[in-house]
PDB file of all heavy atoms in Angstrom:
ATOM      1  N   ILE A   1     -75.940 -43.230 107.621  1.00  0.00           N
ATOM      2  CA  ILE A   1     -76.148 -42.317 106.487  1.00  0.00           C
ATOM      3  C   ILE A   1     -74.947 -41.393 106.323  1.00  0.00           C
ATOM      4  O   ILE A   1     -74.515 -41.105 105.196  1.00  0.00           O
ATOM      5  CB  ILE A   1     -77.438 -41.492 106.675  1.00  0.00           C
ATOM      6  CG1 ILE A   1     -78.662 -42.406 106.705  1.00  0.00           C
ATOM      7  CG2 ILE A   1     -77.583 -40.451 105.570  1.00  0.00           C
ATOM      8  CD1 ILE A   1     -78.867 -43.204 105.429  1.00  0.00           C
ATOM      9  N   THR A   2     -74.392 -40.940 107.436  1.00  0.00           N
ATOM     10  CA  THR A   2     -73.199 -40.078 107.378  1.00  0.00           C
ATOM     11  C   THR A   2     -72.037 -40.801 106.723  1.00  0.00           C
ATOM     12  O   THR A   2     -71.317 -40.227 105.894  1.00  0.00           O
ATOM     13  CB  THR A   2     -72.798 -39.632 108.794  1.00  0.00           C
ATOM     14  OG1 THR A   2     -73.881 -38.921 109.396  1.00  0.00           O
ATOM     15  CG2 THR A   2     -71.567 -38.730 108.753  1.00  0.00           C
ATOM     16  N   PHE A   3     -71.875 -42.092 107.107  1.00  0.00           N
ATOM     17  CA  PHE A   3     -70.808 -42.893 106.513  1.00  0.00           C
ATOM     18  C   PHE A   3     -71.002 -43.040 105.005  1.00  0.00           C
ATOM     19  O   PHE A   3     -70.048 -42.864 104.224  1.00  0.00           O
ATOM     20  CB  PHE A   3     -70.760 -44.272 107.179  1.00  0.00           C
ATOM     21  CG  PHE A   3     -69.814 -45.236 106.515  1.00  0.00           C
ATOM     22  CD1 PHE A   3     -68.439 -45.114 106.685  1.00  0.00           C
ATOM     23  CD2 PHE A   3     -70.305 -46.260 105.705  1.00  0.00           C
ATOM     24  CE1 PHE A   3     -67.567 -45.997 106.060  1.00  0.00           C
ATOM     25  CE2 PHE A   3     -69.439 -47.146 105.085  1.00  0.00           C
ATOM     26  CZ  PHE A   3     -68.070 -47.012 105.254  1.00  0.00           C
ATOM     27  N   LEU A   4     -72.215 -43.353 104.567  1.00  0.00           N
ATOM     28  CA  LEU A   4     -72.494 -43.487 103.128  1.00  0.00           C
ATOM     29  C   LEU A   4     -72.267 -42.161 102.406  1.00  0.00           C
ATOM     30  O   LEU A   4     -71.745 -42.136 101.281  1.00  0.00           O
ATOM     31  CB  LEU A   4     -73.931 -43.959 102.923  1.00  0.00           C
ATOM     32  CG  LEU A   4     -74.274 -45.382 103.377  1.00  0.00           C
ATOM     33  CD1 LEU A   4     -75.747 -45.666 103.116  1.00  0.00           C
ATOM     34  CD2 LEU A   4     -73.397 -46.401 102.666  1.00  0.00           C
ATOM     35  N   PHE A   5     -72.668 -41.085 103.042  1.00  0.00           N
ATOM     36  CA  PHE A   5     -72.504 -39.748 102.458  1.00  0.00           C
ATOM     37  C   PHE A   5     -71.030 -39.431 102.219  1.00  0.00           C
ATOM     38  O   PHE A   5     -70.631 -39.039 101.114  1.00  0.00           O
ATOM     39  CB  PHE A   5     -73.144 -38.731 103.413  1.00  0.00           C
ATOM     40  CG  PHE A   5     -72.939 -37.295 103.020  1.00  0.00           C
ATOM     41  CD1 PHE A   5     -73.501 -36.781 101.864  1.00  0.00           C
ATOM     42  CD2 PHE A   5     -72.184 -36.456 103.827  1.00  0.00           C
ATOM     43  CE1 PHE A   5     -73.315 -35.449 101.500  1.00  0.00           C
ATOM     44  CE2 PHE A   5     -71.994 -35.123 103.483  1.00  0.00           C
ATOM     45  CZ  PHE A   5     -72.559 -34.619 102.326  1.00  0.00           C
ATOM     46  N   LEU A   6     -70.195 -39.638 103.249  1.00  0.00           N
ATOM     47  CA  LEU A   6     -68.763 -39.337 103.121  1.00  0.00           C
ATOM     48  C   LEU A   6     -68.076 -40.306 102.166  1.00  0.00           C
ATOM     49  O   LEU A   6     -67.201 -39.903 101.391  1.00  0.00           O
ATOM     50  CB  LEU A   6     -68.094 -39.381 104.498  1.00  0.00           C
ATOM     51  CG  LEU A   6     -68.505 -38.289 105.486  1.00  0.00           C
ATOM     52  CD1 LEU A   6     -67.851 -38.529 106.842  1.00  0.00           C
ATOM     53  CD2 LEU A   6     -68.136 -36.914 104.961  1.00  0.00           C
ATOM     54  N   LEU A   7     -68.463 -41.572 102.211  1.00  0.00           N
ATOM     55  CA  LEU A   7     -67.846 -42.564 101.318  1.00  0.00           C
ATOM     56  C   LEU A   7     -68.145 -42.254  99.857  1.00  0.00           C
ATOM     57  O   LEU A   7     -67.252 -42.336  99.000  1.00  0.00           O
ATOM     58  CB  LEU A   7     -68.352 -43.964 101.665  1.00  0.00           C
ATOM     59  CG  LEU A   7     -67.802 -45.116 100.806  1.00  0.00           C
ATOM     60  CD1 LEU A   7     -66.280 -45.208 100.947  1.00  0.00           C
ATOM     61  CD2 LEU A   7     -68.473 -46.434 101.177  1.00  0.00           C
ATOM     62  N   SER A   8     -69.383 -41.884  99.550  1.00  0.00           N
ATOM     63  CA  SER A   8     -69.741 -41.557  98.164  1.00  0.00           C
ATOM     64  C   SER A   8     -68.961 -40.339  97.665  1.00  0.00           C
ATOM     65  O   SER A   8     -68.487 -40.326  96.515  1.00  0.00           O
ATOM     66  CB  SER A   8     -71.250 -41.298  98.048  1.00  0.00           C
ATOM     67  OG  SER A   8     -71.633 -40.172  98.817  1.00  0.00           O
ATOM     68  N   LEU A   9     -68.808 -39.349  98.520  1.00  0.00           N
ATOM     69  CA  LEU A   9     -68.047 -38.158  98.123  1.00  0.00           C
ATOM     70  C   LEU A   9     -66.571 -38.497  97.903  1.00  0.00           C
ATOM     71  O   LEU A   9     -65.944 -37.993  96.961  1.00  0.00           O
ATOM     72  CB  LEU A   9     -68.174 -37.069  99.188  1.00  0.00           C
ATOM     73  CG  LEU A   9     -69.553 -36.414  99.328  1.00  0.00           C
ATOM     74  CD1 LEU A   9     -69.581 -35.489 100.527  1.00  0.00           C
ATOM     75  CD2 LEU A   9     -69.938 -35.665  98.054  1.00  0.00           C
ATOM     76  N   TYR A  10     -66.025 -39.359  98.761  1.00  0.00           N
ATOM     77  CA  TYR A  10     -64.618 -39.740  98.616  1.00  0.00           C
ATOM     78  C   TYR A  10     -64.381 -40.506  97.319  1.00  0.00           C
ATOM     79  O   TYR A  10     -63.396 -40.260  96.611  1.00  0.00           O
ATOM     80  CB  TYR A  10     -64.186 -40.582  99.816  1.00  0.00           C
ATOM     81  CG  TYR A  10     -62.724 -40.970  99.779  1.00  0.00           C
ATOM     82  CD1 TYR A  10     -61.731 -39.994  99.791  1.00  0.00           C
ATOM     83  CD2 TYR A  10     -62.340 -42.309  99.737  1.00  0.00           C
ATOM     84  CE1 TYR A  10     -60.384 -40.343  99.756  1.00  0.00           C
ATOM     85  CE2 TYR A  10     -60.994 -42.661  99.704  1.00  0.00           C
ATOM     86  CZ  TYR A  10     -60.029 -41.680  99.711  1.00  0.00           C
ATOM     87  OH  TYR A  10     -58.703 -42.021  99.664  1.00  0.00           O
ATOM     88  N   ILE A  11     -65.282 -41.413  96.981  1.00  0.00           N
ATOM     89  CA  ILE A  11     -65.136 -42.164  95.725  1.00  0.00           C
ATOM     90  C   ILE A  11     -65.250 -41.230  94.526  1.00  0.00           C
ATOM     91  O   ILE A  11     -64.517 -41.371  93.536  1.00  0.00           O
ATOM     92  CB  ILE A  11     -66.182 -43.293  95.643  1.00  0.00           C
ATOM     93  CG1 ILE A  11     -65.924 -44.316  96.749  1.00  0.00           C
ATOM     94  CG2 ILE A  11     -66.133 -43.982  94.277  1.00  0.00           C
ATOM     95  CD1 ILE A  11     -66.975 -45.403  96.847  1.00  0.00           C
ATOM     96  N   LEU A  12     -66.146 -40.243  94.608  1.00  0.00           N
ATOM     97  CA  LEU A  12     -66.265 -39.268  93.512  1.00  0.00           C
ATOM     98  C   LEU A  12     -64.967 -38.480  93.344  1.00  0.00           C
ATOM     99  O   LEU A  12     -64.539 -38.196  92.213  1.00  0.00           O
ATOM    100  CB  LEU A  12     -67.423 -38.311  93.788  1.00  0.00           C
ATOM    101  CG  LEU A  12     -68.837 -38.891  93.617  1.00  0.00           C
ATOM    102  CD1 LEU A  12     -69.879 -37.899  94.098  1.00  0.00           C
ATOM    103  CD2 LEU A  12     -69.098 -39.271  92.156  1.00  0.00           C
ATOM    104  N   ILE A  13     -64.323 -38.147  94.458  1.00  0.00           N
ATOM    105  CA  ILE A  13     -63.049 -37.414  94.385  1.00  0.00           C
ATOM    106  C   ILE A  13     -61.957 -38.302  93.799  1.00  0.00           C
ATOM    107  O   ILE A  13     -61.128 -37.843  93.000  1.00  0.00           O
ATOM    108  CB  ILE A  13     -62.662 -36.890  95.777  1.00  0.00           C
ATOM    109  CG1 ILE A  13     -63.606 -35.757  96.189  1.00  0.00           C
ATOM    110  CG2 ILE A  13     -61.215 -36.385  95.787  1.00  0.00           C
ATOM    111  CD1 ILE A  13     -63.437 -35.303  97.611  1.00  0.00           C
ATOM    112  N   LEU A  14     -61.949 -39.594  94.168  1.00  0.00           N
ATOM    113  CA  LEU A  14     -60.970 -40.522  93.596  1.00  0.00           C
ATOM    114  C   LEU A  14     -61.191 -40.671  92.088  1.00  0.00           C
ATOM    115  O   LEU A  14     -60.231 -40.717  91.312  1.00  0.00           O
ATOM    116  CB  LEU A  14     -61.068 -41.885  94.272  1.00  0.00           C
ATOM    117  CG  LEU A  14     -60.582 -41.968  95.724  1.00  0.00           C
ATOM    118  CD1 LEU A  14     -60.715 -43.394  96.237  1.00  0.00           C
ATOM    119  CD2 LEU A  14     -59.142 -41.497  95.843  1.00  0.00           C
ATOM    120  N   ILE A  15     -62.453 -40.750  91.689  1.00  0.00           N
ATOM    121  CA  ILE A  15     -62.756 -40.794  90.251  1.00  0.00           C
ATOM    122  C   ILE A  15     -62.255 -39.528  89.572  1.00  0.00           C
ATOM    123  O   ILE A  15     -61.693 -39.563  88.474  1.00  0.00           O
ATOM    124  CB  ILE A  15     -64.276 -40.977  90.030  1.00  0.00           C
ATOM    125  CG1 ILE A  15     -64.713 -42.380  90.470  1.00  0.00           C
ATOM    126  CG2 ILE A  15     -64.652 -40.743  88.569  1.00  0.00           C
ATOM    127  CD1 ILE A  15     -66.207 -42.598  90.426  1.00  0.00           C
ATOM    128  N   ASN A  16     -62.427 -38.397  90.256  1.00  0.00           N
ATOM    129  CA  ASN A  16     -61.965 -37.123  89.702  1.00  0.00           C
ATOM    130  C   ASN A  16     -60.445 -37.101  89.552  1.00  0.00           C
ATOM    131  O   ASN A  16     -59.915 -36.534  88.589  1.00  0.00           O
ATOM    132  CB  ASN A  16     -62.412 -35.980  90.617  1.00  0.00           C
ATOM    133  CG  ASN A  16     -62.661 -34.691  89.863  1.00  0.00           C
ATOM    134  OD1 ASN A  16     -63.184 -34.712  88.749  1.00  0.00           O
ATOM    135  ND2 ASN A  16     -62.280 -33.579  90.439  1.00  0.00           N
ATOM    136  N   SER A  17     -59.731 -37.718  90.502  1.00  0.00           N
ATOM    137  CA  SER A  17     -58.271 -37.762  90.411  1.00  0.00           C
ATOM    138  C   SER A  17     -57.817 -38.587  89.206  1.00  0.00           C
ATOM    139  O   SER A  17     -56.857 -38.228  88.529  1.00  0.00           O
ATOM    140  CB  SER A  17     -57.675 -38.331  91.699  1.00  0.00           C
ATOM    141  OG  SER A  17     -57.890 -39.722  91.799  1.00  0.00           O
ATOM    142  N   GLN A  18     -58.528 -39.690  88.933  1.00  0.00           N
ATOM    143  CA  GLN A  18     -58.182 -40.507  87.774  1.00  0.00           C
ATOM    144  C   GLN A  18     -58.564 -39.801  86.473  1.00  0.00           C
ATOM    145  O   GLN A  18     -57.866 -39.898  85.465  1.00  0.00           O
ATOM    146  CB  GLN A  18     -58.882 -41.870  87.863  1.00  0.00           C
ATOM    147  CG  GLN A  18     -58.500 -42.686  89.084  1.00  0.00           C
ATOM    148  CD  GLN A  18     -57.000 -42.849  89.218  1.00  0.00           C
ATOM    149  OE1 GLN A  18     -56.346 -43.414  88.340  1.00  0.00           O
ATOM    150  NE2 GLN A  18     -56.436 -42.350  90.312  1.00  0.00           N
ATOM    151  N   TRP A  19     -59.671 -39.088  86.506  1.00  0.00           N
ATOM    152  CA  TRP A  19     -60.089 -38.295  85.345  1.00  0.00           C
ATOM    153  C   TRP A  19     -59.048 -37.223  85.024  1.00  0.00           C
ATOM    154  O   TRP A  19     -58.694 -37.004  83.862  1.00  0.00           O
ATOM    155  CB  TRP A  19     -61.453 -37.675  85.645  1.00  0.00           C
ATOM    156  CG  TRP A  19     -61.876 -36.521  84.787  1.00  0.00           C
ATOM    157  CD1 TRP A  19     -62.152 -35.258  85.198  1.00  0.00           C
ATOM    158  CD2 TRP A  19     -62.100 -36.526  83.368  1.00  0.00           C
ATOM    159  NE1 TRP A  19     -62.518 -34.465  84.139  1.00  0.00           N
ATOM    160  CE2 TRP A  19     -62.503 -35.217  82.998  1.00  0.00           C
ATOM    161  CE3 TRP A  19     -61.994 -37.484  82.381  1.00  0.00           C
ATOM    162  CZ2 TRP A  19     -62.803 -34.859  81.695  1.00  0.00           C
ATOM    163  CZ3 TRP A  19     -62.291 -37.133  81.063  1.00  0.00           C
ATOM    164  CH2 TRP A  19     -62.689 -35.845  80.734  1.00  0.00           C
ATOM    165  N   TYR A  20     -58.520 -36.576  86.077  1.00  0.00           N
ATOM    166  CA  TYR A  20     -57.458 -35.597  85.878  1.00  0.00           C
ATOM    167  C   TYR A  20     -56.221 -36.244  85.246  1.00  0.00           C
ATOM    168  O   TYR A  20     -55.618 -35.674  84.327  1.00  0.00           O
ATOM    169  CB  TYR A  20     -57.081 -34.957  87.214  1.00  0.00           C
ATOM    170  CG  TYR A  20     -55.743 -34.257  87.198  1.00  0.00           C
ATOM    171  CD1 TYR A  20     -55.607 -32.993  86.642  1.00  0.00           C
ATOM    172  CD2 TYR A  20     -54.602 -34.880  87.711  1.00  0.00           C
ATOM    173  CE1 TYR A  20     -54.381 -32.350  86.610  1.00  0.00           C
ATOM    174  CE2 TYR A  20     -53.379 -34.248  87.685  1.00  0.00           C
ATOM    175  CZ  TYR A  20     -53.268 -32.992  87.134  1.00  0.00           C
ATOM    176  OH  TYR A  20     -52.048 -32.374  87.086  1.00  0.00           O
ATOM    177  N   SER A  21     -55.828 -37.423  85.725  1.00  0.00           N
ATOM    178  CA  SER A  21     -54.651 -38.113  85.173  1.00  0.00           C
ATOM    179  C   SER A  21     -54.849 -38.444  83.697  1.00  0.00           C
ATOM    180  O   SER A  21     -53.924 -38.314  82.894  1.00  0.00           O
ATOM    181  CB  SER A  21     -54.369 -39.398  85.962  1.00  0.00           C
ATOM    182  OG  SER A  21     -54.020 -39.107  87.287  1.00  0.00           O
ATOM    183  N   ILE A  22     -56.060 -38.860  83.344  1.00  0.00           N
ATOM    184  CA  ILE A  22     -56.355 -39.166  81.945  1.00  0.00           C
ATOM    185  C   ILE A  22     -56.219 -37.919  81.084  1.00  0.00           C
ATOM    186  O   ILE A  22     -55.553 -37.915  80.042  1.00  0.00           O
ATOM    187  CB  ILE A  22     -57.774 -39.758  81.813  1.00  0.00           C
ATOM    188  CG1 ILE A  22     -57.821 -41.162  82.441  1.00  0.00           C
ATOM    189  CG2 ILE A  22     -58.222 -39.814  80.353  1.00  0.00           C
ATOM    190  CD1 ILE A  22     -59.220 -41.738  82.539  1.00  0.00           C
ATOM    191  N   VAL A  23     -56.859 -36.833  81.528  1.00  0.00           N
ATOM    192  CA  VAL A  23     -56.821 -35.579  80.758  1.00  0.00           C
ATOM    193  C   VAL A  23     -55.399 -35.054  80.652  1.00  0.00           C
ATOM    194  O   VAL A  23     -54.956 -34.629  79.575  1.00  0.00           O
ATOM    195  CB  VAL A  23     -57.749 -34.529  81.407  1.00  0.00           C
ATOM    196  CG1 VAL A  23     -57.578 -33.171  80.740  1.00  0.00           C
ATOM    197  CG2 VAL A  23     -59.195 -34.977  81.325  1.00  0.00           C
ATOM    198  N   ARG A  24     -54.648 -35.114  81.757  1.00  0.00           N
ATOM    199  CA  ARG A  24     -53.277 -34.611  81.742  1.00  0.00           C
ATOM    200  C   ARG A  24     -52.414 -35.404  80.764  1.00  0.00           C
ATOM    201  O   ARG A  24     -51.605 -34.833  80.020  1.00  0.00           O
ATOM    202  CB  ARG A  24     -52.698 -34.699  83.156  1.00  0.00           C
ATOM    203  CG  ARG A  24     -51.337 -34.031  83.331  1.00  0.00           C
ATOM    204  CD  ARG A  24     -51.461 -32.516  83.235  1.00  0.00           C
ATOM    205  NE  ARG A  24     -50.182 -31.874  83.449  1.00  0.00           N
ATOM    206  CZ  ARG A  24     -49.784 -31.367  84.614  1.00  0.00           C
ATOM    207  NH1 ARG A  24     -50.580 -31.443  85.675  1.00  0.00           N
ATOM    208  NH2 ARG A  24     -48.618 -30.771  84.730  1.00  0.00           N
ATOM    209  N   ALA A  25     -52.583 -36.740  80.753  1.00  0.00           N
ATOM    210  CA  ALA A  25     -51.804 -37.575  79.838  1.00  0.00           C
ATOM    211  C   ALA A  25     -52.153 -37.285  78.382  1.00  0.00           C
ATOM    212  O   ALA A  25     -51.265 -37.193  77.520  1.00  0.00           O
ATOM    213  CB  ALA A  25     -52.038 -39.051  80.144  1.00  0.00           C
ATOM    214  N   LEU A  26     -53.438 -37.118  78.108  1.00  0.00           N
ATOM    215  CA  LEU A  26     -53.862 -36.858  76.725  1.00  0.00           C
ATOM    216  C   LEU A  26     -53.400 -35.481  76.257  1.00  0.00           C
ATOM    217  O   LEU A  26     -52.971 -35.318  75.103  1.00  0.00           O
ATOM    218  CB  LEU A  26     -55.388 -36.971  76.626  1.00  0.00           C
ATOM    219  CG  LEU A  26     -55.976 -38.371  76.833  1.00  0.00           C
ATOM    220  CD1 LEU A  26     -57.499 -38.320  76.842  1.00  0.00           C
ATOM    221  CD2 LEU A  26     -55.484 -39.332  75.751  1.00  0.00           C
ATOM    222  N   ILE A  27     -53.475 -34.491  77.143  1.00  0.00           N
ATOM    223  CA  ILE A  27     -53.025 -33.144  76.780  1.00  0.00           C
ATOM    224  C   ILE A  27     -51.530 -33.128  76.516  1.00  0.00           C
ATOM    225  O   ILE A  27     -51.041 -32.418  75.636  1.00  0.00           O
ATOM    226  CB  ILE A  27     -53.415 -32.138  77.879  1.00  0.00           C
ATOM    227  CG1 ILE A  27     -54.924 -31.949  77.915  1.00  0.00           C
ATOM    228  CG2 ILE A  27     -52.730 -30.796  77.649  1.00  0.00           C
ATOM    229  CD1 ILE A  27     -55.410 -31.131  79.083  1.00  0.00           C
ATOM    230  N   ASN A  28     -50.772 -33.928  77.290  1.00  0.00           N
ATOM    231  CA  ASN A  28     -49.335 -34.016  77.060  1.00  0.00           C
ATOM    232  C   ASN A  28     -49.014 -34.579  75.683  1.00  0.00           C
ATOM    233  O   ASN A  28     -47.983 -34.259  75.093  1.00  0.00           O
ATOM    234  CB  ASN A  28     -48.683 -34.886  78.136  1.00  0.00           C
ATOM    235  CG  ASN A  28     -48.589 -34.174  79.473  1.00  0.00           C
ATOM    236  OD1 ASN A  28     -48.632 -32.951  79.542  1.00  0.00           O
ATOM    237  ND2 ASN A  28     -48.488 -34.935  80.540  1.00  0.00           N
ATOM    238  N   ARG A  29     -49.900 -35.415  75.173  1.00  0.00           N
ATOM    239  CA  ARG A  29     -49.692 -35.994  73.843  1.00  0.00           C
ATOM    240  C   ARG A  29     -50.104 -35.012  72.752  1.00  0.00           C
ATOM    241  O   ARG A  29     -49.445 -34.899  71.717  1.00  0.00           O
ATOM    242  CB  ARG A  29     -50.484 -37.294  73.711  1.00  0.00           C
ATOM    243  CG  ARG A  29     -49.935 -38.420  74.580  1.00  0.00           C
ATOM    244  CD  ARG A  29     -50.886 -39.588  74.690  1.00  0.00           C
ATOM    245  NE  ARG A  29     -51.132 -40.231  73.402  1.00  0.00           N
ATOM    246  CZ  ARG A  29     -51.893 -41.304  73.256  1.00  0.00           C
ATOM    247  NH1 ARG A  29     -52.489 -41.852  74.315  1.00  0.00           N
ATOM    248  NH2 ARG A  29     -52.066 -41.838  72.071  1.00  0.00           N
ATOM    249  N   ASN A  30     -51.212 -34.317  72.962  1.00  0.00           N
ATOM    250  CA  ASN A  30     -51.695 -33.375  71.952  1.00  0.00           C
ATOM    251  C   ASN A  30     -52.580 -32.345  72.640  1.00  0.00           C
ATOM    252  O   ASN A  30     -53.529 -32.698  73.350  1.00  0.00           O
ATOM    253  CB  ASN A  30     -52.483 -34.096  70.854  1.00  0.00           C
ATOM    254  CG  ASN A  30     -52.718 -33.212  69.640  1.00  0.00           C
ATOM    255  OD1 ASN A  30     -53.009 -32.028  69.757  1.00  0.00           O
ATOM    256  ND2 ASN A  30     -52.589 -33.789  68.452  1.00  0.00           N
ATOM    257  N   ILE A  31     -52.271 -31.086  72.418  1.00  0.00           N
ATOM    258  CA  ILE A  31     -52.995 -30.010  73.106  1.00  0.00           C
ATOM    259  C   ILE A  31     -54.470 -29.940  72.699  1.00  0.00           C
ATOM    260  O   ILE A  31     -55.306 -29.399  73.414  1.00  0.00           O
ATOM    261  CB  ILE A  31     -52.286 -28.662  72.834  1.00  0.00           C
ATOM    262  CG1 ILE A  31     -52.697 -27.634  73.888  1.00  0.00           C
ATOM    263  CG2 ILE A  31     -52.583 -28.165  71.415  1.00  0.00           C
ATOM    264  CD1 ILE A  31     -51.873 -26.375  73.847  1.00  0.00           C
ATOM    265  N   LEU A  32     -54.824 -30.529  71.550  1.00  0.00           N
ATOM    266  CA  LEU A  32     -56.217 -30.533  71.088  1.00  0.00           C
ATOM    267  C   LEU A  32     -57.122 -31.348  72.011  1.00  0.00           C
ATOM    268  O   LEU A  32     -58.352 -31.217  71.946  1.00  0.00           O
ATOM    269  CB  LEU A  32     -56.305 -31.072  69.664  1.00  0.00           C
ATOM    270  CG  LEU A  32     -55.687 -30.193  68.566  1.00  0.00           C
ATOM    271  CD1 LEU A  32     -55.790 -30.880  67.210  1.00  0.00           C
ATOM    272  CD2 LEU A  32     -56.362 -28.823  68.519  1.00  0.00           C
ATOM    273  N   TRP A  33     -56.517 -32.184  72.862  1.00  0.00           N
ATOM    274  CA  TRP A  33     -57.324 -32.972  73.792  1.00  0.00           C
ATOM    275  C   TRP A  33     -58.003 -32.101  74.836  1.00  0.00           C
ATOM    276  O   TRP A  33     -58.840 -32.602  75.608  1.00  0.00           O
ATOM    277  CB  TRP A  33     -56.463 -34.035  74.474  1.00  0.00           C
ATOM    278  CG  TRP A  33     -56.275 -35.275  73.638  1.00  0.00           C
ATOM    279  CD1 TRP A  33     -55.153 -35.668  72.989  1.00  0.00           C
ATOM    280  CD2 TRP A  33     -57.267 -36.273  73.362  1.00  0.00           C
ATOM    281  NE1 TRP A  33     -55.359 -36.864  72.324  1.00  0.00           N
ATOM    282  CE2 TRP A  33     -56.647 -37.256  72.548  1.00  0.00           C
ATOM    283  CE3 TRP A  33     -58.596 -36.449  73.739  1.00  0.00           C
ATOM    284  CZ2 TRP A  33     -57.340 -38.383  72.094  1.00  0.00           C
ATOM    285  CZ3 TRP A  33     -59.287 -37.568  73.290  1.00  0.00           C
ATOM    286  CH2 TRP A  33     -58.660 -38.518  72.475  1.00  0.00           C
ATOM    287  N   TRP A  34     -57.680 -30.818  74.881  1.00  0.00           N
ATOM    288  CA  TRP A  34     -58.412 -29.913  75.773  1.00  0.00           C
ATOM    289  C   TRP A  34     -59.897 -29.881  75.418  1.00  0.00           C
ATOM    290  O   TRP A  34     -60.741 -29.511  76.246  1.00  0.00           O
ATOM    291  CB  TRP A  34     -57.833 -28.503  75.684  1.00  0.00           C
ATOM    292  CG  TRP A  34     -56.771 -28.224  76.689  1.00  0.00           C
ATOM    293  CD1 TRP A  34     -55.437 -28.072  76.474  1.00  0.00           C
ATOM    294  CD2 TRP A  34     -56.950 -28.049  78.095  1.00  0.00           C
ATOM    295  NE1 TRP A  34     -54.765 -27.830  77.645  1.00  0.00           N
ATOM    296  CE2 TRP A  34     -55.664 -27.809  78.660  1.00  0.00           C
ATOM    297  CE3 TRP A  34     -58.056 -28.090  78.945  1.00  0.00           C
ATOM    298  CZ2 TRP A  34     -55.487 -27.600  80.023  1.00  0.00           C
ATOM    299  CZ3 TRP A  34     -57.873 -27.880  80.311  1.00  0.00           C
ATOM    300  CH2 TRP A  34     -56.600 -27.640  80.819  1.00  0.00           C
ATOM    301  N   ILE A  35     -60.212 -30.244  74.187  1.00  0.00           N
ATOM    302  CA  ILE A  35     -61.621 -30.263  73.767  1.00  0.00           C
ATOM    303  C   ILE A  35     -62.414 -31.263  74.602  1.00  0.00           C
ATOM    304  O   ILE A  35     -63.593 -31.042  74.903  1.00  0.00           O
ATOM    305  CB  ILE A  35     -61.716 -30.607  72.264  1.00  0.00           C
ATOM    306  CG1 ILE A  35     -61.027 -29.515  71.437  1.00  0.00           C
ATOM    307  CG2 ILE A  35     -63.165 -30.774  71.826  1.00  0.00           C
ATOM    308  CD1 ILE A  35     -60.935 -29.842  69.960  1.00  0.00           C
ATOM    309  N   LEU A  36     -61.766 -32.382  74.988  1.00  0.00           N
ATOM    310  CA  LEU A  36     -62.469 -33.423  75.747  1.00  0.00           C
ATOM    311  C   LEU A  36     -63.014 -32.910  77.079  1.00  0.00           C
ATOM    312  O   LEU A  36     -64.229 -33.045  77.332  1.00  0.00           O
ATOM    313  CB  LEU A  36     -61.537 -34.625  75.960  1.00  0.00           C
ATOM    314  CG  LEU A  36     -62.088 -35.746  76.840  1.00  0.00           C
ATOM    315  CD1 LEU A  36     -63.318 -36.373  76.195  1.00  0.00           C
ATOM    316  CD2 LEU A  36     -61.013 -36.812  77.098  1.00  0.00           C
TER     317      LEU A  36
END
């Protein structure tokens, strides 16, 4: 259970890192993407 707990949190953080990259790229193109 500990392994599943830590693995799920790590994958959520990796998803968050990709989400940040998406937002950063869109904001660089147009500042209005902050709405997203």
